[in-house]
Amino acid sequence: MPDGDPPDAARLADYGAVATELSLLSDRRLKERVASAVPLGSGIGGRYETEFLTNHLTYDRCHTVTHLLRQHLLDDLPGATERAAFLRDWIDGRRPGGLPPGIASLLDRHARPAVVLDRFHRRLLTESKRTPFPAAEIERALAAGSTGAG
């Protein structure tokens, strides 16, 4: 670890705080842009784009945290060699011990939508570029709430 780098737990907590802040700001900024946009013509701006952005706000809300979980936070966690399986196991209550409380909390709040978004990305890249965005499934995962035991 280079001099001046915060300890891992602090670094991971900072990632979680930034990811949450970014995901919240992203939704807000998109809504503000759509609300203030001037329609330029049929199919450009206006109702179509408003509907598209409204239906895809969950992507922006979940992408940052999903990326953080899948690409950074799970790197050094025990049992997280296969990230998608780790997240599914977490949701099912099979959890390794010794995780920092902040990481466990982030996993509790975001594992469900991360699994849905990960499945979407995998299908988009390996099956079809026309894979429909699973907005309703992500909304259900978000509405299901925390996977925590209490």
N, C-alpha and C. Protein backbone atom coordinates (compact mmCIF):
# COMPACT_ATOMS: atom_id res chain seq x y z
N MET A 1 0.86 -1.18 0.00
CA MET A 1 0.00 0.00 0.00
C MET A 1 0.90 1.24 0.00
N PRO A 2 0.70 2.13 -0.97
CA PRO A 2 1.52 3.35 -1.00
C PRO A 2 1.26 4.21 0.22
N ASP A 3 2.29 5.00 0.57
CA ASP A 3 2.12 5.92 1.69
C ASP A 3 0.96 6.86 1.42
N GLY A 4 0.19 7.14 2.44
CA GLY A 4 -0.91 8.08 2.32
C GLY A 4 -2.24 7.44 1.96
N ASP A 5 -2.26 6.16 1.51
CA ASP A 5 -3.52 5.50 1.20
C ASP A 5 -4.23 5.15 2.50
N PRO A 6 -5.55 5.37 2.55
CA PRO A 6 -6.28 5.01 3.76
C PRO A 6 -6.32 3.50 3.91
N PRO A 7 -6.50 3.01 5.12
CA PRO A 7 -6.62 1.57 5.31
C PRO A 7 -7.80 1.03 4.50
N ASP A 8 -7.77 -0.26 4.19
CA ASP A 8 -8.79 -0.87 3.34
C ASP A 8 -10.21 -0.59 3.82
N ALA A 9 -10.48 -0.74 5.10
CA ALA A 9 -11.84 -0.53 5.61
C ALA A 9 -12.31 0.90 5.35
N ALA A 10 -11.43 1.85 5.58
CA ALA A 10 -11.79 3.25 5.36
C ALA A 10 -11.98 3.52 3.87
N ARG A 11 -11.11 2.94 3.05
CA ARG A 11 -11.21 3.11 1.60
C ARG A 11 -12.54 2.53 1.10
N LEU A 12 -12.89 1.37 1.57
CA LEU A 12 -14.14 0.73 1.15
C LEU A 12 -15.36 1.51 1.63
N ALA A 13 -15.28 2.06 2.82
CA ALA A 13 -16.38 2.88 3.33
C ALA A 13 -16.53 4.14 2.48
N ASP A 14 -15.40 4.72 2.08
CA ASP A 14 -15.44 5.90 1.20
C ASP A 14 -16.07 5.56 -0.14
N TYR A 15 -15.71 4.40 -0.71
CA TYR A 15 -16.31 3.97 -1.97
C TYR A 15 -17.83 3.88 -1.83
N GLY A 16 -18.28 3.28 -0.72
CA GLY A 16 -19.72 3.13 -0.51
C GLY A 16 -20.43 4.47 -0.41
N ALA A 17 -19.85 5.40 0.30
CA ALA A 17 -20.46 6.73 0.45
C ALA A 17 -20.52 7.45 -0.89
N VAL A 18 -19.44 7.39 -1.66
CA VAL A 18 -19.41 8.06 -2.95
C VAL A 18 -20.39 7.40 -3.92
N ALA A 19 -20.44 6.08 -3.94
CA ALA A 19 -21.34 5.38 -4.85
C ALA A 19 -22.80 5.72 -4.55
N THR A 20 -23.15 5.76 -3.29
CA THR A 20 -24.52 6.11 -2.91
C THR A 20 -24.84 7.53 -3.33
N GLU A 21 -23.92 8.45 -3.05
CA GLU A 21 -24.14 9.85 -3.42
C GLU A 21 -24.28 10.00 -4.93
N LEU A 22 -23.41 9.33 -5.69
CA LEU A 22 -23.48 9.42 -7.15
C LEU A 22 -24.78 8.85 -7.69
N SER A 23 -25.20 7.72 -7.16
CA SER A 23 -26.43 7.12 -7.68
C SER A 23 -27.64 8.00 -7.40
N LEU A 24 -27.67 8.67 -6.26
CA LEU A 24 -28.78 9.57 -5.95
C LEU A 24 -28.73 10.82 -6.82
N LEU A 25 -27.56 11.37 -6.99
CA LEU A 25 -27.44 12.57 -7.82
C LEU A 25 -27.78 12.28 -9.27
N SER A 26 -27.44 11.12 -9.74
CA SER A 26 -27.71 10.77 -11.13
C SER A 26 -29.21 10.82 -11.42
N ASP A 27 -30.03 10.20 -10.57
CA ASP A 27 -31.47 10.24 -10.76
C ASP A 27 -31.99 11.67 -10.75
N ARG A 28 -31.56 12.42 -9.79
CA ARG A 28 -32.03 13.79 -9.64
C ARG A 28 -31.66 14.62 -10.87
N ARG A 29 -30.43 14.49 -11.31
CA ARG A 29 -29.99 15.27 -12.48
C ARG A 29 -30.75 14.88 -13.74
N LEU A 30 -31.00 13.59 -13.92
CA LEU A 30 -31.76 13.17 -15.09
C LEU A 30 -33.17 13.74 -15.05
N LYS A 31 -33.81 13.68 -13.91
CA LYS A 31 -35.17 14.21 -13.78
C LYS A 31 -35.19 15.71 -14.06
N GLU A 32 -34.20 16.43 -13.54
CA GLU A 32 -34.13 17.88 -13.78
C GLU A 32 -33.93 18.17 -15.27
N ARG A 33 -33.05 17.41 -15.91
CA ARG A 33 -32.80 17.63 -17.34
C ARG A 33 -34.06 17.36 -18.16
N VAL A 34 -34.72 16.24 -17.87
CA VAL A 34 -35.94 15.90 -18.62
C VAL A 34 -37.01 16.96 -18.40
N ALA A 35 -37.17 17.39 -17.16
CA ALA A 35 -38.21 18.37 -16.85
C ALA A 35 -37.95 19.71 -17.53
N SER A 36 -36.70 20.07 -17.72
CA SER A 36 -36.39 21.37 -18.29
C SER A 36 -36.07 21.31 -19.78
N ALA A 37 -36.10 20.12 -20.38
CA ALA A 37 -35.75 19.99 -21.80
C ALA A 37 -36.79 20.62 -22.70
N VAL A 38 -36.31 21.23 -23.75
CA VAL A 38 -37.18 21.81 -24.77
C VAL A 38 -37.28 20.80 -25.90
N PRO A 39 -38.50 20.32 -26.21
CA PRO A 39 -38.64 19.35 -27.31
C PRO A 39 -38.15 19.95 -28.62
N LEU A 40 -37.33 19.17 -29.34
CA LEU A 40 -36.77 19.67 -30.60
C LEU A 40 -37.59 19.22 -31.80
N GLY A 41 -38.44 18.26 -31.61
CA GLY A 41 -39.26 17.75 -32.71
C GLY A 41 -39.71 16.34 -32.40
N SER A 42 -40.47 15.79 -33.30
CA SER A 42 -41.00 14.44 -33.12
C SER A 42 -39.87 13.44 -32.94
N GLY A 43 -39.89 12.70 -31.85
CA GLY A 43 -38.89 11.68 -31.61
C GLY A 43 -37.59 12.20 -31.01
N ILE A 44 -37.43 13.48 -30.91
CA ILE A 44 -36.22 14.04 -30.31
C ILE A 44 -36.67 14.97 -29.19
N GLY A 45 -36.39 14.60 -27.98
CA GLY A 45 -36.89 15.36 -26.84
C GLY A 45 -38.37 15.07 -26.65
N GLY A 46 -38.96 15.71 -25.73
CA GLY A 46 -40.39 15.54 -25.53
C GLY A 46 -40.80 14.24 -24.89
N ARG A 47 -41.99 13.79 -25.23
CA ARG A 47 -42.63 12.66 -24.55
C ARG A 47 -41.84 11.35 -24.67
N TYR A 48 -41.33 11.03 -25.86
CA TYR A 48 -40.61 9.78 -26.05
C TYR A 48 -39.39 9.70 -25.14
N GLU A 49 -38.57 10.74 -25.14
CA GLU A 49 -37.37 10.73 -24.31
C GLU A 49 -37.72 10.77 -22.82
N THR A 50 -38.75 11.52 -22.48
CA THR A 50 -39.19 11.55 -21.08
C THR A 50 -39.58 10.15 -20.62
N GLU A 51 -40.35 9.46 -21.46
CA GLU A 51 -40.77 8.09 -21.12
C GLU A 51 -39.56 7.15 -21.05
N PHE A 52 -38.65 7.26 -22.02
CA PHE A 52 -37.46 6.41 -22.02
C PHE A 52 -36.63 6.63 -20.76
N LEU A 53 -36.35 7.89 -20.44
CA LEU A 53 -35.54 8.19 -19.26
C LEU A 53 -36.24 7.75 -17.98
N THR A 54 -37.54 7.97 -17.91
CA THR A 54 -38.29 7.55 -16.72
C THR A 54 -38.19 6.04 -16.54
N ASN A 55 -38.30 5.30 -17.64
CA ASN A 55 -38.24 3.83 -17.57
C ASN A 55 -36.84 3.31 -17.29
N HIS A 56 -35.83 4.13 -17.49
CA HIS A 56 -34.46 3.67 -17.31
C HIS A 56 -33.72 4.35 -16.16
N LEU A 57 -34.42 5.11 -15.32
CA LEU A 57 -33.77 5.75 -14.18
C LEU A 57 -33.16 4.72 -13.23
N THR A 58 -33.78 3.55 -13.15
CA THR A 58 -33.24 2.52 -12.27
C THR A 58 -31.85 2.09 -12.71
N TYR A 59 -31.54 2.19 -14.00
CA TYR A 59 -30.20 1.82 -14.46
C TYR A 59 -29.16 2.72 -13.80
N ASP A 60 -29.39 4.01 -13.90
CA ASP A 60 -28.43 4.94 -13.30
C ASP A 60 -28.37 4.77 -11.79
N ARG A 61 -29.51 4.53 -11.20
CA ARG A 61 -29.57 4.36 -9.74
C ARG A 61 -28.78 3.14 -9.28
N CYS A 62 -28.80 2.08 -10.07
CA CYS A 62 -28.17 0.82 -9.65
C CYS A 62 -26.78 0.58 -10.23
N HIS A 63 -26.49 1.17 -11.37
CA HIS A 63 -25.23 0.84 -12.04
C HIS A 63 -24.00 1.14 -11.20
N THR A 64 -23.93 2.31 -10.61
CA THR A 64 -22.73 2.69 -9.86
C THR A 64 -22.47 1.73 -8.70
N VAL A 65 -23.51 1.44 -7.95
CA VAL A 65 -23.32 0.54 -6.80
C VAL A 65 -23.03 -0.88 -7.27
N THR A 66 -23.70 -1.33 -8.33
CA THR A 66 -23.44 -2.67 -8.86
C THR A 66 -21.99 -2.76 -9.33
N HIS A 67 -21.53 -1.76 -10.03
CA HIS A 67 -20.14 -1.76 -10.49
C HIS A 67 -19.18 -1.77 -9.30
N LEU A 68 -19.46 -0.97 -8.32
CA LEU A 68 -18.64 -0.92 -7.11
C LEU A 68 -18.58 -2.31 -6.46
N LEU A 69 -19.73 -2.95 -6.29
CA LEU A 69 -19.76 -4.28 -5.68
C LEU A 69 -19.00 -5.29 -6.53
N ARG A 70 -19.33 -5.35 -7.80
CA ARG A 70 -18.78 -6.41 -8.65
C ARG A 70 -17.31 -6.20 -9.01
N GLN A 71 -16.90 -4.97 -9.16
CA GLN A 71 -15.55 -4.74 -9.67
C GLN A 71 -14.54 -4.33 -8.60
N HIS A 72 -14.99 -3.93 -7.43
CA HIS A 72 -14.05 -3.41 -6.44
C HIS A 72 -14.21 -4.02 -5.06
N LEU A 73 -15.38 -3.93 -4.48
CA LEU A 73 -15.55 -4.34 -3.08
C LEU A 73 -15.39 -5.84 -2.86
N LEU A 74 -15.77 -6.64 -3.83
CA LEU A 74 -15.72 -8.09 -3.63
C LEU A 74 -14.34 -8.68 -3.89
N ASP A 75 -13.41 -7.87 -4.38
CA ASP A 75 -12.08 -8.38 -4.73
C ASP A 75 -11.40 -9.12 -3.59
N ASP A 76 -11.43 -8.57 -2.41
CA ASP A 76 -10.66 -9.14 -1.31
C ASP A 76 -11.51 -9.83 -0.25
N LEU A 77 -12.80 -10.04 -0.55
CA LEU A 77 -13.66 -10.66 0.44
C LEU A 77 -13.53 -12.17 0.40
N PRO A 78 -13.59 -12.81 1.57
CA PRO A 78 -13.51 -14.27 1.59
C PRO A 78 -14.71 -14.88 0.87
N GLY A 79 -14.43 -15.85 0.00
CA GLY A 79 -15.49 -16.55 -0.69
C GLY A 79 -16.07 -15.83 -1.88
N ALA A 80 -15.46 -14.73 -2.32
CA ALA A 80 -16.04 -13.93 -3.40
C ALA A 80 -15.31 -14.14 -4.72
N THR A 81 -14.79 -15.35 -4.96
CA THR A 81 -14.06 -15.58 -6.20
C THR A 81 -14.99 -15.54 -7.40
N GLU A 82 -16.20 -16.04 -7.29
CA GLU A 82 -17.20 -15.95 -8.36
C GLU A 82 -18.24 -14.96 -7.87
N ARG A 83 -18.15 -13.74 -8.37
CA ARG A 83 -18.93 -12.63 -7.80
C ARG A 83 -20.44 -12.82 -7.89
N ALA A 84 -20.94 -13.26 -9.03
CA ALA A 84 -22.39 -13.43 -9.18
C ALA A 84 -22.90 -14.47 -8.17
N ALA A 85 -22.16 -15.57 -8.03
CA ALA A 85 -22.56 -16.60 -7.07
C ALA A 85 -22.49 -16.07 -5.64
N PHE A 86 -21.48 -15.26 -5.35
CA PHE A 86 -21.35 -14.67 -4.02
C PHE A 86 -22.58 -13.82 -3.69
N LEU A 87 -23.01 -12.99 -4.66
CA LEU A 87 -24.18 -12.13 -4.42
C LEU A 87 -25.46 -12.96 -4.24
N ARG A 88 -25.62 -13.99 -5.06
CA ARG A 88 -26.81 -14.86 -4.90
C ARG A 88 -26.78 -15.55 -3.54
N ASP A 89 -25.61 -16.04 -3.14
CA ASP A 89 -25.48 -16.68 -1.82
C ASP A 89 -25.80 -15.68 -0.71
N TRP A 90 -25.34 -14.44 -0.87
CA TRP A 90 -25.61 -13.41 0.15
C TRP A 90 -27.12 -13.22 0.32
N ILE A 91 -27.82 -13.11 -0.80
CA ILE A 91 -29.27 -12.93 -0.76
C ILE A 91 -29.94 -14.11 -0.07
N ASP A 92 -29.41 -15.31 -0.31
CA ASP A 92 -29.98 -16.54 0.28
C ASP A 92 -29.56 -16.76 1.73
N GLY A 93 -28.75 -15.85 2.28
CA GLY A 93 -28.37 -15.95 3.68
C GLY A 93 -27.07 -16.69 3.94
N ARG A 94 -26.38 -17.13 2.90
CA ARG A 94 -25.07 -17.79 3.08
C ARG A 94 -24.00 -16.72 2.98
N ARG A 95 -23.45 -16.34 4.14
CA ARG A 95 -22.53 -15.19 4.20
C ARG A 95 -21.25 -15.54 4.94
N PRO A 96 -20.13 -15.10 4.40
CA PRO A 96 -18.88 -15.34 5.12
C PRO A 96 -18.80 -14.44 6.34
N GLY A 97 -18.12 -14.88 7.34
CA GLY A 97 -17.93 -14.05 8.53
C GLY A 97 -16.79 -13.07 8.33
N GLY A 98 -16.69 -12.13 9.24
CA GLY A 98 -15.56 -11.23 9.26
C GLY A 98 -15.60 -10.07 8.28
N LEU A 99 -16.74 -9.80 7.68
CA LEU A 99 -16.81 -8.67 6.76
C LEU A 99 -16.96 -7.38 7.54
N PRO A 100 -16.36 -6.30 7.07
CA PRO A 100 -16.57 -5.01 7.71
C PRO A 100 -18.07 -4.67 7.68
N PRO A 101 -18.61 -4.09 8.75
CA PRO A 101 -20.04 -3.79 8.80
C PRO A 101 -20.54 -2.91 7.65
N GLY A 102 -19.72 -1.97 7.19
CA GLY A 102 -20.13 -1.11 6.08
C GLY A 102 -20.32 -1.87 4.79
N ILE A 103 -19.44 -2.84 4.53
CA ILE A 103 -19.55 -3.66 3.32
C ILE A 103 -20.78 -4.57 3.43
N ALA A 104 -20.97 -5.17 4.61
CA ALA A 104 -22.14 -6.03 4.81
C ALA A 104 -23.43 -5.23 4.61
N SER A 105 -23.47 -4.03 5.09
CA SER A 105 -24.64 -3.17 4.94
C SER A 105 -24.88 -2.84 3.46
N LEU A 106 -23.82 -2.51 2.75
CA LEU A 106 -23.93 -2.22 1.32
C LEU A 106 -24.44 -3.45 0.56
N LEU A 107 -23.91 -4.61 0.89
CA LEU A 107 -24.39 -5.85 0.27
C LEU A 107 -25.86 -6.09 0.60
N ASP A 108 -26.24 -5.88 1.85
CA ASP A 108 -27.64 -6.07 2.24
C ASP A 108 -28.57 -5.20 1.40
N ARG A 109 -28.19 -3.96 1.19
CA ARG A 109 -29.06 -3.02 0.48
C ARG A 109 -29.05 -3.20 -1.03
N HIS A 110 -27.93 -3.67 -1.60
CA HIS A 110 -27.79 -3.62 -3.05
C HIS A 110 -27.56 -4.96 -3.74
N ALA A 111 -27.49 -6.06 -3.02
CA ALA A 111 -27.23 -7.35 -3.67
C ALA A 111 -28.34 -7.73 -4.65
N ARG A 112 -29.60 -7.55 -4.25
CA ARG A 112 -30.71 -7.95 -5.13
C ARG A 112 -30.69 -7.22 -6.47
N PRO A 113 -30.70 -5.88 -6.48
CA PRO A 113 -30.67 -5.21 -7.79
C PRO A 113 -29.36 -5.48 -8.55
N ALA A 114 -28.26 -5.69 -7.84
CA ALA A 114 -27.00 -5.98 -8.51
C ALA A 114 -27.08 -7.29 -9.28
N VAL A 115 -27.73 -8.29 -8.72
CA VAL A 115 -27.89 -9.57 -9.42
C VAL A 115 -28.73 -9.40 -10.68
N VAL A 116 -29.80 -8.62 -10.58
CA VAL A 116 -30.67 -8.39 -11.75
C VAL A 116 -29.90 -7.63 -12.83
N LEU A 117 -29.21 -6.58 -12.45
CA LEU A 117 -28.47 -5.77 -13.43
C LEU A 117 -27.32 -6.58 -14.04
N ASP A 118 -26.67 -7.41 -13.23
CA ASP A 118 -25.60 -8.25 -13.74
C ASP A 118 -26.14 -9.23 -14.79
N ARG A 119 -27.28 -9.84 -14.51
CA ARG A 119 -27.89 -10.78 -15.46
C ARG A 119 -28.23 -10.05 -16.78
N PHE A 120 -28.76 -8.82 -16.66
CA PHE A 120 -29.05 -8.02 -17.85
C PHE A 120 -27.78 -7.77 -18.66
N HIS A 121 -26.72 -7.32 -18.00
CA HIS A 121 -25.47 -7.05 -18.70
C HIS A 121 -24.94 -8.29 -19.40
N ARG A 122 -24.99 -9.42 -18.71
CA ARG A 122 -24.48 -10.67 -19.28
C ARG A 122 -25.27 -11.03 -20.54
N ARG A 123 -26.61 -10.94 -20.46
CA ARG A 123 -27.45 -11.26 -21.62
C ARG A 123 -27.20 -10.26 -22.76
N LEU A 124 -27.06 -9.00 -22.42
CA LEU A 124 -26.82 -7.96 -23.43
C LEU A 124 -25.52 -8.24 -24.20
N LEU A 125 -24.50 -8.68 -23.48
CA LEU A 125 -23.19 -8.93 -24.10
C LEU A 125 -23.08 -10.28 -24.78
N THR A 126 -23.80 -11.29 -24.30
CA THR A 126 -23.60 -12.64 -24.83
C THR A 126 -24.76 -13.18 -25.66
N GLU A 127 -25.96 -12.62 -25.49
CA GLU A 127 -27.11 -13.16 -26.20
C GLU A 127 -27.62 -12.22 -27.28
N SER A 128 -28.00 -11.00 -26.90
CA SER A 128 -28.59 -10.10 -27.87
C SER A 128 -28.46 -8.65 -27.43
N LYS A 129 -28.10 -7.81 -28.37
CA LYS A 129 -28.05 -6.36 -28.10
C LYS A 129 -29.46 -5.80 -27.93
N ARG A 130 -30.47 -6.58 -28.25
CA ARG A 130 -31.86 -6.16 -28.10
C ARG A 130 -32.48 -6.67 -26.80
N THR A 131 -31.64 -7.13 -25.91
CA THR A 131 -32.14 -7.60 -24.60
C THR A 131 -32.89 -6.46 -23.93
N PRO A 132 -34.14 -6.68 -23.57
CA PRO A 132 -34.90 -5.59 -22.94
C PRO A 132 -34.36 -5.27 -21.54
N PHE A 133 -34.37 -4.00 -21.23
CA PHE A 133 -33.93 -3.57 -19.91
C PHE A 133 -34.97 -4.00 -18.87
N PRO A 134 -34.54 -4.67 -17.80
CA PRO A 134 -35.48 -5.21 -16.82
C PRO A 134 -35.90 -4.20 -15.74
N ALA A 135 -36.46 -3.07 -16.16
CA ALA A 135 -36.81 -2.00 -15.22
C ALA A 135 -37.75 -2.50 -14.13
N ALA A 136 -38.78 -3.24 -14.50
CA ALA A 136 -39.75 -3.71 -13.50
C ALA A 136 -39.10 -4.69 -12.52
N GLU A 137 -38.23 -5.56 -13.02
CA GLU A 137 -37.55 -6.52 -12.14
C GLU A 137 -36.60 -5.81 -11.18
N ILE A 138 -35.92 -4.79 -11.66
CA ILE A 138 -35.03 -4.02 -10.79
C ILE A 138 -35.86 -3.28 -9.74
N GLU A 139 -36.97 -2.69 -10.16
CA GLU A 139 -37.84 -2.00 -9.20
C GLU A 139 -38.32 -2.97 -8.12
N ARG A 140 -38.67 -4.20 -8.52
CA ARG A 140 -39.10 -5.20 -7.52
C ARG A 140 -37.94 -5.54 -6.58
N ALA A 141 -36.74 -5.67 -7.13
CA ALA A 141 -35.57 -5.98 -6.29
C ALA A 141 -35.32 -4.83 -5.31
N LEU A 142 -35.46 -3.61 -5.76
CA LEU A 142 -35.28 -2.46 -4.88
C LEU A 142 -36.37 -2.42 -3.82
N ALA A 143 -37.61 -2.70 -4.23
CA ALA A 143 -38.73 -2.66 -3.30
C ALA A 143 -38.66 -3.78 -2.25
N ALA A 144 -37.98 -4.87 -2.60
CA ALA A 144 -37.87 -5.99 -1.66
C ALA A 144 -37.06 -5.59 -0.43
N GLY A 145 -36.24 -4.55 -0.56
CA GLY A 145 -35.50 -4.04 0.59
C GLY A 145 -34.26 -4.83 0.92
N SER A 146 -33.79 -4.62 2.11
CA SER A 146 -32.54 -5.18 2.59
C SER A 146 -32.61 -6.70 2.72
N THR A 147 -31.48 -7.34 2.46
CA THR A 147 -31.38 -8.78 2.67
C THR A 147 -30.89 -9.09 4.08
N GLY A 148 -30.65 -8.05 4.88
CA GLY A 148 -30.09 -8.21 6.22
C GLY A 148 -31.02 -8.94 7.17
N ALA A 149 -30.41 -9.58 8.13
CA ALA A 149 -31.17 -10.33 9.12
C ALA A 149 -31.75 -9.39 10.19
N GLY A 150 -31.36 -8.18 10.18
CA GLY A 150 -31.91 -7.27 11.19
C GLY A 150 -30.97 -6.20 11.41
